[in-house]
C-alpha atoms as a PDB file:
ATOM      1  CA  MET A   1      -8.605   2.130  45.967  1.00  0.00           C
ATOM      2  CA  LYS A   2     -11.419   3.019  43.591  1.00  0.00           C
ATOM      3  CA  SER A   3      -9.387   5.755  41.828  1.00  0.00           C
ATOM      4  CA  PHE A   4      -6.481   3.332  41.376  1.00  0.00           C
ATOM      5  CA  ASP A   5      -8.833   0.830  39.657  1.00  0.00           C
ATOM      6  CA  GLY A   6     -10.161   3.637  37.400  1.00  0.00           C
ATOM      7  CA  SER A   7      -6.619   4.670  36.517  1.00  0.00           C
ATOM      8  CA  ILE A   8      -5.789   1.133  35.446  1.00  0.00           C
ATOM      9  CA  ARG A   9      -8.879   1.008  33.221  1.00  0.00           C
ATOM     10  CA  VAL A  10      -7.994   4.338  31.603  1.00  0.00           C
ATOM     11  CA  ALA A  11      -4.385   3.243  31.074  1.00  0.00           C
ATOM     12  CA  MET A  12      -5.539  -0.053  29.545  1.00  0.00           C
ATOM     13  CA  TRP A  13      -8.010   1.764  27.284  1.00  0.00           C
ATOM     14  CA  VAL A  14      -5.354   4.242  26.115  1.00  0.00           C
ATOM     15  CA  GLY A  15      -2.916   1.384  25.539  1.00  0.00           C
ATOM     16  CA  SER A  16      -5.510  -0.548  23.521  1.00  0.00           C
ATOM     17  CA  VAL A  17      -6.279   2.465  21.342  1.00  0.00           C
ATOM     18  CA  ALA A  18      -2.568   3.072  20.735  1.00  0.00           C
ATOM     19  CA  LEU A  19      -2.009  -0.598  19.849  1.00  0.00           C
ATOM     20  CA  ALA A  20      -4.970  -0.594  17.462  1.00  0.00           C
ATOM     21  CA  ALA A  21      -3.736   2.582  15.742  1.00  0.00           C
ATOM     22  CA  THR A  22      -0.230   1.163  15.384  1.00  0.00           C
ATOM     23  CA  THR A  23      -1.591  -2.095  13.960  1.00  0.00           C
ATOM     24  CA  LEU A  24      -3.755  -0.263  11.416  1.00  0.00           C
ATOM     25  CA  ALA A  25      -0.848   1.941  10.351  1.00  0.00           C
ATOM     26  CA  ALA A  26       1.347  -1.115   9.855  1.00  0.00           C
ATOM     27  CA  CYS A  27      -1.309  -2.735   7.647  1.00  0.00           C
ATOM     28  CA  ALA A  28      -1.975   0.348   5.525  1.00  0.00           C
ATOM     29  CA  VAL A  29      -1.165  -0.029   1.841  1.00  0.00           C
ATOM     30  CA  TYR A  30       0.439   3.008   0.303  1.00  0.00           C
ATOM     31  CA  PRO A  31       0.423   3.347  -3.480  1.00  0.00           C
ATOM     32  CA  ARG A  32       3.850   2.825  -4.931  1.00  0.00           C
ATOM     33  CA  PRO A  33       5.041   3.967  -8.328  1.00  0.00           C
ATOM     34  CA  ALA A  34       5.450   1.326 -11.011  1.00  0.00           C
ATOM     35  CA  GLU A  35       8.849  -0.333 -11.037  1.00  0.00           C
ATOM     36  CA  PRO A  36      10.518  -1.845 -14.118  1.00  0.00           C
ATOM     37  CA  VAL A  37      11.179  -5.545 -13.582  1.00  0.00           C
ATOM     38  CA  ALA A  38      12.391  -6.620 -17.045  1.00  0.00           C
ATOM     39  CA  ALA A  39      13.326  -5.065 -20.378  1.00  0.00           C
ATOM     40  CA  THR A  40      14.189  -6.741 -23.662  1.00  0.00           C
ATOM     41  CA  LYS A  41      14.312  -4.378 -26.618  1.00  0.00           C
ATOM     42  CA  PRO A  42      11.669  -3.257 -27.530  1.00  0.00           C
ATOM     43  CA  THR A  43       9.573  -4.561 -24.600  1.00  0.00           C
ATOM     44  CA  ILE A  44       9.423  -3.544 -20.967  1.00  0.00           C
ATOM     45  CA  THR A  45       7.610  -4.989 -17.949  1.00  0.00           C
ATOM     46  CA  TYR A  46       6.511  -3.029 -14.876  1.00  0.00           C
ATOM     47  CA  ALA A  47       5.235  -4.156 -11.486  1.00  0.00           C
ATOM     48  CA  TYR A  48       2.275  -2.216 -10.079  1.00  0.00           C
ATOM     49  CA  SER A  49      -0.296  -2.585  -7.314  1.00  0.00           C
ATOM     50  CA  ASP A  50      -3.216  -0.256  -8.106  1.00  0.00           C
ATOM     51  CA  ASP A  51      -4.713   2.061 -10.743  1.00  0.00           C
ATOM     52  CA  ALA A  52      -2.252   4.857  -9.942  1.00  0.00           C
ATOM     53  CA  GLY A  53       0.643   2.421 -10.382  1.00  0.00           C
ATOM     54  CA  LEU A  54      -0.757   1.236 -13.713  1.00  0.00           C
ATOM     55  CA  VAL A  55      -1.118   4.814 -14.974  1.00  0.00           C
ATOM     56  CA  ASP A  56       2.493   5.398 -13.863  1.00  0.00           C
ATOM     57  CA  ALA A  57       3.640   2.237 -15.687  1.00  0.00           C
ATOM     58  CA  THR A  58       1.837   3.335 -18.844  1.00  0.00           C
ATOM     59  CA  ARG A  59       3.449   6.776 -18.692  1.00  0.00           C
ATOM     60  CA  LYS A  60       6.884   5.243 -18.147  1.00  0.00           C
ATOM     61  CA  ALA A  61       6.321   2.814 -21.039  1.00  0.00           C
ATOM     62  CA  GLU A  62       5.404   5.759 -23.260  1.00  0.00           C
ATOM     63  CA  THR A  63       8.696   7.432 -22.341  1.00  0.00           C
ATOM     64  CA  TYR A  64      10.626   4.171 -22.864  1.00  0.00           C
ATOM     65  CA  CYS A  65       9.050   3.716 -26.313  1.00  0.00           C
ATOM     66  CA  THR A  66      10.120   7.168 -27.527  1.00  0.00           C
ATOM     67  CA  THR A  67      13.547   5.561 -28.071  1.00  0.00           C
ATOM     68  CA  TYR A  68      11.876   3.433 -30.755  1.00  0.00           C
ATOM     69  CA  ASN A  69       9.734   6.316 -32.098  1.00  0.00           C
ATOM     70  CA  SER A  70       6.649   4.330 -31.162  1.00  0.00           C
ATOM     71  CA  TRP A  71       3.763   4.137 -28.708  1.00  0.00           C
ATOM     72  CA  PRO A  72       3.463   1.248 -26.253  1.00  0.00           C
ATOM     73  CA  ARG A  73       1.021  -1.581 -26.857  1.00  0.00           C
ATOM     74  CA  THR A  74      -0.081  -3.758 -23.948  1.00  0.00           C
ATOM     75  CA  ASN A  75       1.196  -7.259 -24.512  1.00  0.00           C
ATOM     76  CA  GLU A  76       0.382  -8.994 -21.240  1.00  0.00           C
ATOM     77  CA  ILE A  77      -1.070  -8.306 -17.772  1.00  0.00           C
ATOM     78  CA  TYR A  78      -0.748 -10.940 -15.062  1.00  0.00           C
ATOM     79  CA  ASN A  79      -0.808 -11.446 -11.305  1.00  0.00           C
ATOM     80  CA  ARG A  80       2.512 -11.936  -9.514  1.00  0.00           C
ATOM     81  CA  PRO A  81       2.707 -14.894  -7.116  1.00  0.00           C
ATOM     82  CA  GLU A  82       3.903 -12.619  -4.286  1.00  0.00           C
ATOM     83  CA  GLY A  83       1.032 -10.161  -4.886  1.00  0.00           C
ATOM     84  CA  GLY A  84       0.484  -7.211  -7.167  1.00  0.00           C
ATOM     85  CA  ARG A  85       0.484  -7.338 -10.939  1.00  0.00           C
ATOM     86  CA  ASN A  86       2.865  -7.023 -13.872  1.00  0.00           C
ATOM     87  CA  VAL A  87       2.205  -5.394 -17.218  1.00  0.00           C
ATOM     88  CA  THR A  88       4.354  -5.883 -20.312  1.00  0.00           C
ATOM     89  CA  PHE A  89       4.415  -3.304 -23.094  1.00  0.00           C
ATOM     90  CA  VAL A  90       5.786  -3.682 -26.621  1.00  0.00           C
ATOM     91  CA  CYS A  91       6.985  -0.590 -28.469  1.00  0.00           C
ATOM     92  CA  ASP A  92       5.472  -1.319 -31.884  1.00  0.00           C
ATOM     93  CA  GLN A  93       2.834   1.342 -32.562  1.00  0.00           C
ATOM     94  CA  PRO A  94       4.498   3.917 -34.864  1.00  0.00           C
ATOM     95  CA  ARG A  95       4.259   7.510 -33.747  1.00  0.00           C
ATOM     96  CA  ALA A  96       2.774   9.926 -36.200  1.00  0.00           C
ATOM     97  CA  GLY A  97       4.585  13.241 -36.393  1.00  0.00           C
ATOM     98  CA  VAL A  98       4.287  14.796 -32.950  1.00  0.00           C
ATOM     99  CA  VAL A  99       4.062  18.567 -32.795  1.00  0.00           C
ATOM    100  CA  THR A 100       7.132  19.938 -31.076  1.00  0.00           C
ATOM    101  CA  SER A 101       6.679  23.639 -31.697  1.00  0.00           C
ATOM    102  CA  SER A 102       6.709  25.681 -28.529  1.00  0.00           C
ATOM    103  CA  SER A 103       4.117  27.985 -30.132  1.00  0.00           C
ATOM    104  CA  VAL A 104       1.376  25.352 -29.846  1.00  0.00           C
ATOM    105  CA  GLY A 105      -0.737  26.186 -26.828  1.00  0.00           C
ATOM    106  CA  ILE A 106      -2.342  23.891 -24.314  1.00  0.00           C
ATOM    107  CA  PRO A 107      -5.815  22.899 -25.537  1.00  0.00           C
ATOM    108  CA  ALA A 108      -8.833  25.028 -24.679  1.00  0.00           C
ATOM    109  CA  GLN A 109     -10.355  21.994 -22.974  1.00  0.00           C
ATOM    110  CA  PRO A 110      -8.145  21.836 -19.851  1.00  0.00           C
ATOM    111  CA  SER A 111      -8.785  18.170 -19.121  1.00  0.00           C
ATOM    112  CA  VAL A 112     -10.008  15.033 -20.850  1.00  0.00           C
ATOM    113  CA  ASN A 113     -12.000  12.221 -19.252  1.00  0.00           C
ATOM    114  CA  TYR A 114     -12.112   8.523 -20.094  1.00  0.00           C
ATOM    115  CA  THR A 115     -14.264   5.751 -18.668  1.00  0.00           C
ATOM    116  CA  TYR A 116     -12.789   2.294 -18.072  1.00  0.00           C
ATOM    117  CA  ARG A 117     -13.731  -1.010 -16.430  1.00  0.00           C
ATOM    118  CA  ASP A 118     -10.468  -2.949 -16.171  1.00  0.00           C
ATOM    119  CA  ASP A 119      -6.679  -2.632 -16.427  1.00  0.00           C
ATOM    120  CA  ARG A 120      -6.645  -2.804 -20.230  1.00  0.00           C
ATOM    121  CA  GLY A 121      -9.276  -0.062 -20.402  1.00  0.00           C
ATOM    122  CA  LEU A 122      -7.218   2.102 -18.042  1.00  0.00           C
ATOM    123  CA  ILE A 123      -4.102   1.595 -20.174  1.00  0.00           C
ATOM    124  CA  GLU A 124      -6.048   2.529 -23.297  1.00  0.00           C
ATOM    125  CA  ALA A 125      -7.421   5.654 -21.585  1.00  0.00           C
ATOM    126  CA  SER A 126      -3.927   6.655 -20.463  1.00  0.00           C
ATOM    127  CA  ASN A 127      -2.512   6.067 -23.969  1.00  0.00           C
ATOM    128  CA  GLN A 128      -5.298   8.120 -25.570  1.00  0.00           C
ATOM    129  CA  ALA A 129      -4.672  10.971 -23.128  1.00  0.00           C
ATOM    130  CA  GLN A 130      -0.905  10.880 -23.816  1.00  0.00           C
ATOM    131  CA  ARG A 131      -1.500  11.006 -27.566  1.00  0.00           C
ATOM    132  CA  TYR A 132      -4.038  13.801 -27.198  1.00  0.00           C
ATOM    133  CA  CYS A 133      -1.682  15.912 -25.082  1.00  0.00           C
ATOM    134  CA  ALA A 134       1.371  15.124 -27.234  1.00  0.00           C
ATOM    135  CA  GLY A 135      -0.355  16.998 -30.048  1.00  0.00           C
ATOM    136  CA  PHE A 136      -0.059  20.097 -27.858  1.00  0.00           C
ATOM    137  CA  ASN A 137       3.565  19.440 -26.872  1.00  0.00           C
ATOM    138  CA  ALA A 138       2.345  18.374 -23.433  1.00  0.00           C
ATOM    139  CA  HIS A 139       2.246  15.315 -21.179  1.00  0.00           C
ATOM    140  CA  ALA A 140      -0.998  13.891 -19.814  1.00  0.00           C
ATOM    141  CA  ARG A 141      -1.122  13.879 -16.024  1.00  0.00           C
ATOM    142  CA  SER A 142      -3.903  12.001 -14.266  1.00  0.00           C
ATOM    143  CA  THR A 143      -5.740  14.224 -11.825  1.00  0.00           C
ATOM    144  CA  LEU A 144      -8.815  12.366 -10.584  1.00  0.00           C
ATOM    145  CA  VAL A 145     -10.368   8.900 -10.582  1.00  0.00           C
ATOM    146  CA  THR A 146     -14.035   8.484  -9.708  1.00  0.00           C
ATOM    147  CA  THR A 147     -16.102   5.334  -9.361  1.00  0.00           C
ATOM    148  CA  ASN A 148     -19.372   5.410 -11.279  1.00  0.00           C
ATOM    149  CA  VAL A 149     -22.660   3.856 -10.105  1.00  0.00           C
ATOM    150  CA  ASP A 150     -22.426   1.140 -12.791  1.00  0.00           C
ATOM    151  CA  GLY A 151     -19.049  -0.045 -11.408  1.00  0.00           C
ATOM    152  CA  SER A 152     -16.945   1.596 -14.117  1.00  0.00           C
ATOM    153  CA  LYS A 153     -14.416   4.307 -13.275  1.00  0.00           C
ATOM    154  CA  THR A 154     -13.685   7.640 -14.910  1.00  0.00           C
ATOM    155  CA  ILE A 155     -10.181   9.068 -15.002  1.00  0.00           C
ATOM    156  CA  SER A 156      -9.371  12.694 -15.780  1.00  0.00           C
ATOM    157  CA  PHE A 157      -6.135  13.884 -17.350  1.00  0.00           C
ATOM    158  CA  GLN A 158      -4.662  17.370 -17.531  1.00  0.00           C
ATOM    159  CA  CYS A 159      -2.249  18.350 -20.327  1.00  0.00           C
ATOM    160  CA  ASP A 160       0.935  19.773 -18.764  1.00  0.00           C
ATOM    161  CA  ARG A 161       3.465  21.600 -20.944  1.00  0.00           C
ATOM    162  CA  MET A 162       6.657  19.652 -21.715  1.00  0.00           C
ATOM    163  CA  PRO A 163       9.861  21.359 -20.594  1.00  0.00           C
END
C-alpha cells in the first residue's frame, strides 16, 4: 500500500509541474512586429508592444516616408485601451541627397550605439542610425539593447547593405 501512496504523490507532483509549465507558457509575451493601424497621407500609425516593436515601427515608417522623399517625424505616442501602444509618424522631414552608389562601402565602424530613456529617445536613436547608414547605401539593423545602471538603455545598430 505504501508504494501505491508514493506513486500517487509522484503522479500529482508531475501533474502539478506540467500544469505550472503550461500556465507559464500561456502567459508568456512574445514580441510582435509593429502593425500599421491607420494611414492618411503623409502620416502612418503603428501598434507596438515593446522596444523591438517600436524600432520595427520606426523602420517601417522610414520605408513608408520614402514615397514622400522624407524622413518620419514622431507626431504622437499613446497607450491603447486594450493594451500596448500606438505611435504616429508624419513624413515631413526632407531627405537630403542619399548616396545610392554601389561603390560606397559599409563604414569602418561596424556598429553605432545610442543611449535612450524613453520611447521618443528610442525613435530618435533609430532615426539617427537609419540616416547614418543611408549615407553608406545601407539599412540600420538593431542588434543589441542593454540596460545601463542609471536606468537608461543603449541600443546598437549594424549597417547592412541595401539590395
